[in-house]
Amino acid sequence: MRLTKSTDIALRIAMRLAVLREGDNPTTREVAESVGVPYTHAAKVVSRLQHLGVVEARRGRGGGLMLTFAGRTGSLGLLLRELEGVGDVVGCEDEPPCPLRAACRLRGVLRNAQEAFFATLDPLCIDDLVAAPTGPVLLGLTARPPGRPAAGSSG
């Protein structure tokens, strides 16, 4: 199983926000640059994280992004279930549907494995992910210098 790119970006953004001092509220662009993702991708992910109550975004002076208490301490397994969805790992019902779907045991086994993956993450939270040595590395991330393109951008 591999996490989607959006989930990867969401975790990077949440972890980056988790290590900032109170009052350090970066913009979406600043966070995108510091974690090495294109701004457009980060903006979509931040919107999703806002919807889930993980990130709060304020406009204007003193505004920016901040990780909510729920985002900081909520179950990582639950967050990943929300971000990834809990659909089937394999496309049994895709077009054309798999001819084995009526008698196949693989689908159930993979569903159980997927749930075991999420269950392993249930007791963890974003704060757990930013403990040393990760936190100090995250604190050292800054926006790229002018003239150096962000990851995934052309030019």
N, C-alpha and C. Protein backbone atom coordinates (compact mmCIF):
# COMPACT_ATOMS: atom_id res chain seq x y z
N MET A 1 0.85 -1.18 0.00
CA MET A 1 0.00 0.00 0.00
C MET A 1 0.89 1.24 0.00
N ARG A 2 0.53 2.22 -0.78
CA ARG A 2 1.27 3.47 -0.85
C ARG A 2 0.29 4.61 -0.64
N LEU A 3 0.67 5.57 0.19
CA LEU A 3 -0.18 6.73 0.43
C LEU A 3 -0.21 7.61 -0.80
N THR A 4 -1.33 8.29 -0.99
CA THR A 4 -1.43 9.22 -2.11
C THR A 4 -0.50 10.40 -1.88
N LYS A 5 -0.19 11.10 -2.95
CA LYS A 5 0.67 12.28 -2.87
C LYS A 5 0.02 13.34 -1.97
N SER A 6 -1.30 13.49 -2.04
CA SER A 6 -1.97 14.48 -1.19
C SER A 6 -1.82 14.16 0.29
N THR A 7 -1.91 12.89 0.64
CA THR A 7 -1.74 12.51 2.04
C THR A 7 -0.31 12.77 2.48
N ASP A 8 0.65 12.46 1.64
CA ASP A 8 2.05 12.74 1.94
C ASP A 8 2.24 14.23 2.20
N ILE A 9 1.70 15.06 1.34
CA ILE A 9 1.82 16.51 1.49
C ILE A 9 1.11 16.96 2.78
N ALA A 10 -0.06 16.42 3.05
CA ALA A 10 -0.81 16.79 4.26
C ALA A 10 0.00 16.48 5.52
N LEU A 11 0.65 15.33 5.55
CA LEU A 11 1.45 14.97 6.72
C LEU A 11 2.66 15.89 6.86
N ARG A 12 3.31 16.20 5.75
CA ARG A 12 4.46 17.11 5.79
C ARG A 12 4.05 18.48 6.31
N ILE A 13 2.92 18.99 5.82
CA ILE A 13 2.45 20.31 6.24
C ILE A 13 2.09 20.29 7.72
N ALA A 14 1.36 19.28 8.17
CA ALA A 14 0.97 19.20 9.58
C ALA A 14 2.20 19.10 10.48
N MET A 15 3.18 18.30 10.06
CA MET A 15 4.40 18.16 10.86
C MET A 15 5.16 19.48 10.91
N ARG A 16 5.24 20.18 9.81
CA ARG A 16 5.93 21.47 9.77
C ARG A 16 5.26 22.46 10.71
N LEU A 17 3.94 22.52 10.67
CA LEU A 17 3.21 23.44 11.52
C LEU A 17 3.32 23.05 13.00
N ALA A 18 3.48 21.77 13.28
CA ALA A 18 3.54 21.29 14.66
C ALA A 18 4.77 21.78 15.41
N VAL A 19 5.84 22.10 14.71
CA VAL A 19 7.07 22.49 15.40
C VAL A 19 7.25 24.00 15.51
N LEU A 20 6.37 24.77 14.92
CA LEU A 20 6.52 26.22 14.96
C LEU A 20 6.11 26.78 16.32
N ARG A 21 6.77 27.87 16.70
CA ARG A 21 6.42 28.55 17.95
C ARG A 21 5.06 29.22 17.79
N GLU A 22 4.39 29.39 18.91
CA GLU A 22 3.11 30.09 18.88
C GLU A 22 3.32 31.49 18.31
N GLY A 23 2.47 31.87 17.40
CA GLY A 23 2.59 33.17 16.75
C GLY A 23 3.35 33.12 15.43
N ASP A 24 4.09 32.04 15.19
CA ASP A 24 4.73 31.85 13.89
C ASP A 24 3.73 31.16 12.99
N ASN A 25 3.02 31.94 12.21
CA ASN A 25 1.96 31.42 11.36
C ASN A 25 2.30 31.67 9.90
N PRO A 26 2.97 30.72 9.26
CA PRO A 26 3.39 30.91 7.88
C PRO A 26 2.21 30.88 6.91
N THR A 27 2.43 31.42 5.74
CA THR A 27 1.43 31.34 4.68
C THR A 27 1.50 29.96 4.04
N THR A 28 0.50 29.65 3.26
CA THR A 28 0.51 28.38 2.52
C THR A 28 1.72 28.32 1.60
N ARG A 29 2.02 29.42 0.96
CA ARG A 29 3.17 29.47 0.05
C ARG A 29 4.48 29.18 0.80
N GLU A 30 4.65 29.78 1.97
CA GLU A 30 5.86 29.56 2.76
C GLU A 30 5.99 28.11 3.20
N VAL A 31 4.89 27.53 3.64
CA VAL A 31 4.93 26.12 4.06
C VAL A 31 5.21 25.22 2.87
N ALA A 32 4.58 25.51 1.74
CA ALA A 32 4.80 24.71 0.53
C ALA A 32 6.28 24.71 0.16
N GLU A 33 6.88 25.89 0.18
CA GLU A 33 8.29 25.99 -0.18
C GLU A 33 9.18 25.28 0.83
N SER A 34 8.85 25.38 2.11
CA SER A 34 9.71 24.76 3.12
C SER A 34 9.65 23.24 3.10
N VAL A 35 8.52 22.67 2.70
CA VAL A 35 8.43 21.20 2.65
C VAL A 35 8.62 20.66 1.23
N GLY A 36 8.94 21.55 0.30
CA GLY A 36 9.31 21.12 -1.04
C GLY A 36 8.18 20.62 -1.92
N VAL A 37 7.04 21.29 -1.86
CA VAL A 37 5.92 20.90 -2.73
C VAL A 37 5.40 22.12 -3.47
N PRO A 38 4.81 21.92 -4.64
CA PRO A 38 4.24 23.05 -5.39
C PRO A 38 3.12 23.74 -4.60
N TYR A 39 3.06 25.05 -4.72
CA TYR A 39 2.05 25.83 -4.01
C TYR A 39 0.64 25.35 -4.32
N THR A 40 0.35 25.08 -5.58
CA THR A 40 -1.02 24.68 -5.95
C THR A 40 -1.44 23.40 -5.24
N HIS A 41 -0.52 22.45 -5.11
CA HIS A 41 -0.83 21.21 -4.40
C HIS A 41 -1.06 21.50 -2.92
N ALA A 42 -0.17 22.31 -2.36
CA ALA A 42 -0.28 22.64 -0.93
C ALA A 42 -1.59 23.36 -0.63
N ALA A 43 -2.01 24.25 -1.50
CA ALA A 43 -3.25 25.00 -1.28
C ALA A 43 -4.45 24.05 -1.23
N LYS A 44 -4.49 23.08 -2.12
CA LYS A 44 -5.58 22.10 -2.11
C LYS A 44 -5.57 21.28 -0.83
N VAL A 45 -4.38 20.87 -0.41
CA VAL A 45 -4.24 20.05 0.79
C VAL A 45 -4.59 20.86 2.03
N VAL A 46 -4.16 22.11 2.10
CA VAL A 46 -4.49 22.96 3.24
C VAL A 46 -6.01 23.12 3.34
N SER A 47 -6.67 23.29 2.23
CA SER A 47 -8.13 23.40 2.22
C SER A 47 -8.77 22.14 2.80
N ARG A 48 -8.27 21.00 2.41
CA ARG A 48 -8.79 19.72 2.93
C ARG A 48 -8.51 19.60 4.44
N LEU A 49 -7.31 19.99 4.86
CA LEU A 49 -6.97 19.93 6.28
C LEU A 49 -7.83 20.89 7.11
N GLN A 50 -8.17 22.04 6.53
CA GLN A 50 -9.09 22.97 7.20
C GLN A 50 -10.45 22.31 7.37
N HIS A 51 -10.94 21.70 6.31
CA HIS A 51 -12.24 21.03 6.35
C HIS A 51 -12.28 19.95 7.43
N LEU A 52 -11.15 19.27 7.62
CA LEU A 52 -11.07 18.20 8.63
C LEU A 52 -10.81 18.74 10.04
N GLY A 53 -10.58 20.05 10.17
CA GLY A 53 -10.33 20.64 11.49
C GLY A 53 -8.91 20.46 11.98
N VAL A 54 -7.99 20.14 11.09
CA VAL A 54 -6.60 19.91 11.45
C VAL A 54 -5.80 21.21 11.41
N VAL A 55 -6.13 22.07 10.46
CA VAL A 55 -5.41 23.33 10.27
C VAL A 55 -6.42 24.47 10.30
N GLU A 56 -5.98 25.57 10.89
CA GLU A 56 -6.77 26.80 10.86
C GLU A 56 -5.99 27.81 10.04
N ALA A 57 -6.69 28.52 9.17
CA ALA A 57 -6.05 29.55 8.34
C ALA A 57 -6.72 30.88 8.62
N ARG A 58 -5.91 31.86 8.94
CA ARG A 58 -6.43 33.21 9.18
C ARG A 58 -5.85 34.16 8.16
N ARG A 59 -6.67 35.11 7.74
CA ARG A 59 -6.25 36.10 6.75
C ARG A 59 -5.80 37.37 7.47
N GLY A 60 -5.07 38.19 6.74
CA GLY A 60 -4.71 39.51 7.23
C GLY A 60 -3.52 39.52 8.16
N ARG A 61 -3.31 40.67 8.78
CA ARG A 61 -2.19 40.86 9.70
C ARG A 61 -2.30 39.85 10.85
N GLY A 62 -1.21 39.20 11.13
CA GLY A 62 -1.22 38.18 12.18
C GLY A 62 -1.84 36.88 11.73
N GLY A 63 -2.17 36.79 10.45
CA GLY A 63 -2.79 35.58 9.92
C GLY A 63 -1.77 34.54 9.53
N GLY A 64 -2.23 33.55 8.85
CA GLY A 64 -1.38 32.45 8.40
C GLY A 64 -1.97 31.12 8.82
N LEU A 65 -1.16 30.09 8.74
CA LEU A 65 -1.61 28.74 9.07
C LEU A 65 -1.18 28.34 10.46
N MET A 66 -2.04 27.60 11.14
CA MET A 66 -1.67 27.02 12.42
C MET A 66 -2.35 25.67 12.58
N LEU A 67 -1.66 24.79 13.25
CA LEU A 67 -2.19 23.46 13.53
C LEU A 67 -3.13 23.58 14.71
N THR A 68 -4.31 23.01 14.60
CA THR A 68 -5.28 23.05 15.70
C THR A 68 -4.87 22.04 16.77
N PHE A 69 -5.50 22.13 17.93
CA PHE A 69 -5.26 21.15 19.00
C PHE A 69 -5.63 19.76 18.49
N ALA A 70 -6.78 19.66 17.81
CA ALA A 70 -7.20 18.36 17.27
C ALA A 70 -6.20 17.85 16.23
N GLY A 71 -5.65 18.75 15.43
CA GLY A 71 -4.66 18.35 14.45
C GLY A 71 -3.37 17.86 15.08
N ARG A 72 -3.03 18.46 16.19
CA ARG A 72 -1.80 18.11 16.90
C ARG A 72 -1.92 16.79 17.67
N THR A 73 -3.09 16.55 18.25
CA THR A 73 -3.22 15.42 19.18
C THR A 73 -4.18 14.33 18.71
N GLY A 74 -4.86 14.55 17.59
CA GLY A 74 -5.82 13.56 17.10
C GLY A 74 -5.12 12.32 16.57
N SER A 75 -5.85 11.25 16.47
CA SER A 75 -5.33 9.96 15.99
C SER A 75 -4.81 10.06 14.56
N LEU A 76 -3.58 9.65 14.37
CA LEU A 76 -2.98 9.63 13.04
C LEU A 76 -3.71 8.62 12.15
N GLY A 77 -4.10 7.49 12.71
CA GLY A 77 -4.84 6.49 11.94
C GLY A 77 -6.16 7.05 11.42
N LEU A 78 -6.86 7.77 12.28
CA LEU A 78 -8.13 8.38 11.87
C LEU A 78 -7.90 9.43 10.78
N LEU A 79 -6.86 10.24 10.94
CA LEU A 79 -6.54 11.25 9.94
C LEU A 79 -6.24 10.59 8.59
N LEU A 80 -5.44 9.55 8.60
CA LEU A 80 -5.12 8.87 7.34
C LEU A 80 -6.35 8.21 6.72
N ARG A 81 -7.24 7.67 7.53
CA ARG A 81 -8.48 7.10 6.99
C ARG A 81 -9.28 8.18 6.26
N GLU A 82 -9.33 9.38 6.87
CA GLU A 82 -10.06 10.49 6.26
C GLU A 82 -9.38 10.94 4.96
N LEU A 83 -8.07 11.06 4.99
CA LEU A 83 -7.34 11.54 3.82
C LEU A 83 -7.31 10.52 2.69
N GLU A 84 -7.14 9.27 3.03
CA GLU A 84 -7.01 8.21 2.03
C GLU A 84 -8.34 7.62 1.61
N GLY A 85 -9.31 7.65 2.50
CA GLY A 85 -10.54 6.92 2.25
C GLY A 85 -10.30 5.46 2.59
N VAL A 86 -11.35 4.72 2.76
CA VAL A 86 -11.18 3.32 3.15
C VAL A 86 -11.74 2.38 2.08
N GLY A 87 -11.57 2.77 0.85
CA GLY A 87 -12.04 1.94 -0.26
C GLY A 87 -11.17 0.70 -0.42
N ASP A 88 -11.56 -0.13 -1.35
CA ASP A 88 -10.82 -1.35 -1.61
C ASP A 88 -9.43 -1.05 -2.13
N VAL A 89 -8.48 -1.88 -1.74
CA VAL A 89 -7.10 -1.75 -2.19
C VAL A 89 -6.98 -2.17 -3.65
N VAL A 90 -7.79 -3.11 -4.06
CA VAL A 90 -7.79 -3.58 -5.44
C VAL A 90 -9.10 -3.19 -6.11
N GLY A 91 -9.09 -3.11 -7.42
CA GLY A 91 -10.25 -2.65 -8.18
C GLY A 91 -11.17 -3.76 -8.64
N CYS A 92 -11.77 -4.47 -7.70
CA CYS A 92 -12.64 -5.60 -8.05
C CYS A 92 -13.83 -5.17 -8.90
N GLU A 93 -14.34 -3.97 -8.66
CA GLU A 93 -15.53 -3.50 -9.35
C GLU A 93 -15.21 -2.54 -10.49
N ASP A 94 -13.92 -2.38 -10.81
CA ASP A 94 -13.55 -1.49 -11.91
C ASP A 94 -14.12 -2.02 -13.22
N GLU A 95 -14.00 -1.22 -14.26
CA GLU A 95 -14.42 -1.65 -15.59
C GLU A 95 -13.22 -2.17 -16.36
N PRO A 96 -13.21 -3.32 -16.83
CA PRO A 96 -14.21 -4.35 -16.58
C PRO A 96 -14.03 -4.93 -15.18
N PRO A 97 -15.12 -5.38 -14.56
CA PRO A 97 -15.01 -5.96 -13.22
C PRO A 97 -14.21 -7.27 -13.26
N CYS A 98 -13.57 -7.56 -12.15
CA CYS A 98 -12.77 -8.78 -12.06
C CYS A 98 -13.70 -10.00 -12.11
N PRO A 99 -13.40 -10.98 -12.94
CA PRO A 99 -14.25 -12.17 -13.03
C PRO A 99 -14.20 -13.04 -11.78
N LEU A 100 -13.24 -12.82 -10.90
CA LEU A 100 -13.13 -13.62 -9.67
C LEU A 100 -13.87 -13.01 -8.49
N ARG A 101 -14.44 -11.82 -8.64
CA ARG A 101 -14.97 -11.07 -7.51
C ARG A 101 -16.02 -11.81 -6.69
N ALA A 102 -16.78 -12.69 -7.28
CA ALA A 102 -17.82 -13.40 -6.53
C ALA A 102 -17.25 -14.45 -5.59
N ALA A 103 -16.06 -14.97 -5.89
CA ALA A 103 -15.51 -16.04 -5.07
C ALA A 103 -14.09 -15.76 -4.57
N CYS A 104 -13.64 -14.55 -4.71
CA CYS A 104 -12.24 -14.23 -4.38
C CYS A 104 -12.08 -13.92 -2.90
N ARG A 105 -11.03 -14.45 -2.31
CA ARG A 105 -10.72 -14.17 -0.91
C ARG A 105 -9.71 -13.02 -0.76
N LEU A 106 -9.08 -12.63 -1.86
CA LEU A 106 -8.05 -11.60 -1.82
C LEU A 106 -8.59 -10.26 -1.31
N ARG A 107 -9.76 -9.88 -1.77
CA ARG A 107 -10.35 -8.60 -1.41
C ARG A 107 -10.47 -8.46 0.11
N GLY A 108 -10.99 -9.47 0.77
CA GLY A 108 -11.16 -9.45 2.23
C GLY A 108 -9.82 -9.43 2.96
N VAL A 109 -8.88 -10.20 2.47
CA VAL A 109 -7.55 -10.24 3.10
C VAL A 109 -6.88 -8.87 2.99
N LEU A 110 -6.97 -8.25 1.82
CA LEU A 110 -6.37 -6.93 1.64
C LEU A 110 -7.08 -5.86 2.47
N ARG A 111 -8.39 -5.98 2.61
CA ARG A 111 -9.13 -5.03 3.45
C ARG A 111 -8.67 -5.15 4.90
N ASN A 112 -8.47 -6.40 5.38
CA ASN A 112 -7.98 -6.61 6.74
C ASN A 112 -6.57 -6.05 6.91
N ALA A 113 -5.73 -6.24 5.91
CA ALA A 113 -4.36 -5.71 5.98
C ALA A 113 -4.38 -4.19 6.01
N GLN A 114 -5.25 -3.59 5.22
CA GLN A 114 -5.37 -2.13 5.21
C GLN A 114 -5.81 -1.63 6.59
N GLU A 115 -6.76 -2.29 7.18
CA GLU A 115 -7.24 -1.87 8.50
C GLU A 115 -6.15 -2.06 9.56
N ALA A 116 -5.35 -3.12 9.44
CA ALA A 116 -4.24 -3.33 10.37
C ALA A 116 -3.23 -2.18 10.24
N PHE A 117 -3.00 -1.73 9.02
CA PHE A 117 -2.10 -0.59 8.78
C PHE A 117 -2.61 0.64 9.52
N PHE A 118 -3.89 0.98 9.32
CA PHE A 118 -4.46 2.13 9.98
C PHE A 118 -4.48 1.96 11.50
N ALA A 119 -4.80 0.75 11.98
CA ALA A 119 -4.86 0.48 13.41
C ALA A 119 -3.51 0.68 14.08
N THR A 120 -2.43 0.39 13.37
CA THR A 120 -1.09 0.61 13.90
C THR A 120 -0.86 2.09 14.14
N LEU A 121 -1.47 2.94 13.34
CA LEU A 121 -1.30 4.39 13.45
C LEU A 121 -2.30 5.04 14.41
N ASP A 122 -3.34 4.31 14.82
CA ASP A 122 -4.38 4.89 15.68
C ASP A 122 -3.85 5.52 16.97
N PRO A 123 -2.93 4.88 17.68
CA PRO A 123 -2.48 5.50 18.94
C PRO A 123 -1.49 6.66 18.77
N LEU A 124 -1.05 6.91 17.56
CA LEU A 124 -0.07 7.97 17.30
C LEU A 124 -0.76 9.26 16.89
N CYS A 125 -0.04 10.39 17.04
CA CYS A 125 -0.55 11.69 16.61
C CYS A 125 0.60 12.46 15.97
N ILE A 126 0.28 13.61 15.41
CA ILE A 126 1.30 14.44 14.75
C ILE A 126 2.42 14.79 15.73
N ASP A 127 2.08 15.11 16.97
CA ASP A 127 3.12 15.41 17.96
C ASP A 127 4.12 14.27 18.10
N ASP A 128 3.65 13.03 18.00
CA ASP A 128 4.57 11.88 18.08
C ASP A 128 5.54 11.89 16.90
N LEU A 129 5.08 12.32 15.75
CA LEU A 129 5.92 12.30 14.55
C LEU A 129 7.01 13.36 14.56
N VAL A 130 6.84 14.41 15.36
CA VAL A 130 7.81 15.49 15.34
C VAL A 130 8.78 15.46 16.51
N ALA A 131 8.76 14.37 17.26
CA ALA A 131 9.76 14.21 18.32
C ALA A 131 11.14 14.11 17.68
N ALA A 132 12.17 14.35 18.47
CA ALA A 132 13.55 14.27 17.96
C ALA A 132 13.80 12.89 17.36
N PRO A 133 14.50 12.80 16.26
CA PRO A 133 15.30 13.82 15.60
C PRO A 133 14.53 14.61 14.54
N THR A 134 13.26 14.31 14.31
CA THR A 134 12.51 14.96 13.24
C THR A 134 12.24 16.43 13.50
N GLY A 135 11.82 16.77 14.72
CA GLY A 135 11.47 18.15 15.06
C GLY A 135 12.56 19.16 14.73
N PRO A 136 13.80 18.92 15.18
CA PRO A 136 14.87 19.88 14.86
C PRO A 136 15.10 20.03 13.36
N VAL A 137 14.95 18.97 12.60
CA VAL A 137 15.11 19.06 11.14
C VAL A 137 14.00 19.93 10.57
N LEU A 138 12.77 19.71 11.03
CA LEU A 138 11.64 20.51 10.56
C LEU A 138 11.84 21.99 10.90
N LEU A 139 12.39 22.28 12.06
CA LEU A 139 12.63 23.67 12.45
C LEU A 139 13.66 24.33 11.54
N GLY A 140 14.55 23.54 10.99
CA GLY A 140 15.58 24.08 10.11
C GLY A 140 15.12 24.32 8.70
N LEU A 141 13.92 23.86 8.35
CA LEU A 141 13.42 24.07 6.99
C LEU A 141 13.01 25.52 6.81
N THR A 142 13.43 26.09 5.74
CA THR A 142 13.02 27.46 5.41
C THR A 142 12.62 27.49 3.96
N ALA A 143 12.01 28.58 3.59
CA ALA A 143 11.63 28.76 2.18
C ALA A 143 12.89 28.78 1.34
N ARG A 144 12.76 28.34 0.10
CA ARG A 144 13.91 28.33 -0.81
C ARG A 144 14.34 29.75 -1.13
N PRO A 145 15.63 29.94 -1.35
CA PRO A 145 16.10 31.28 -1.74
C PRO A 145 15.50 31.70 -3.07
N PRO A 146 15.35 33.01 -3.31
CA PRO A 146 14.81 33.46 -4.59
C PRO A 146 15.62 32.91 -5.75
N GLY A 147 14.93 32.57 -6.82
CA GLY A 147 15.60 32.06 -8.01
C GLY A 147 15.73 30.55 -8.04
N ARG A 148 15.46 29.89 -6.91
CA ARG A 148 15.53 28.43 -6.90
C ARG A 148 14.10 27.90 -6.93
N PRO A 149 13.74 27.15 -7.98
CA PRO A 149 12.35 26.69 -8.11
C PRO A 149 11.98 25.67 -7.05
N ALA A 150 10.72 25.66 -6.69
CA ALA A 150 10.20 24.67 -5.75
C ALA A 150 10.15 23.31 -6.44
N ALA A 151 10.12 22.26 -5.62
CA ALA A 151 10.05 20.91 -6.16
C ALA A 151 8.79 20.77 -7.01
N GLY A 152 8.92 20.10 -8.13
CA GLY A 152 7.79 19.85 -9.00
C GLY A 152 7.45 20.99 -9.94
N SER A 153 8.15 22.12 -9.83
CA SER A 153 7.85 23.22 -10.75
C SER A 153 8.85 23.22 -11.88
N SER A 154 8.44 23.74 -12.98
CA SER A 154 9.36 23.78 -14.12
C SER A 154 9.97 25.16 -14.20
N GLY A 155 11.20 25.20 -14.65
CA GLY A 155 11.81 26.49 -14.88
C GLY A 155 12.87 26.77 -13.94
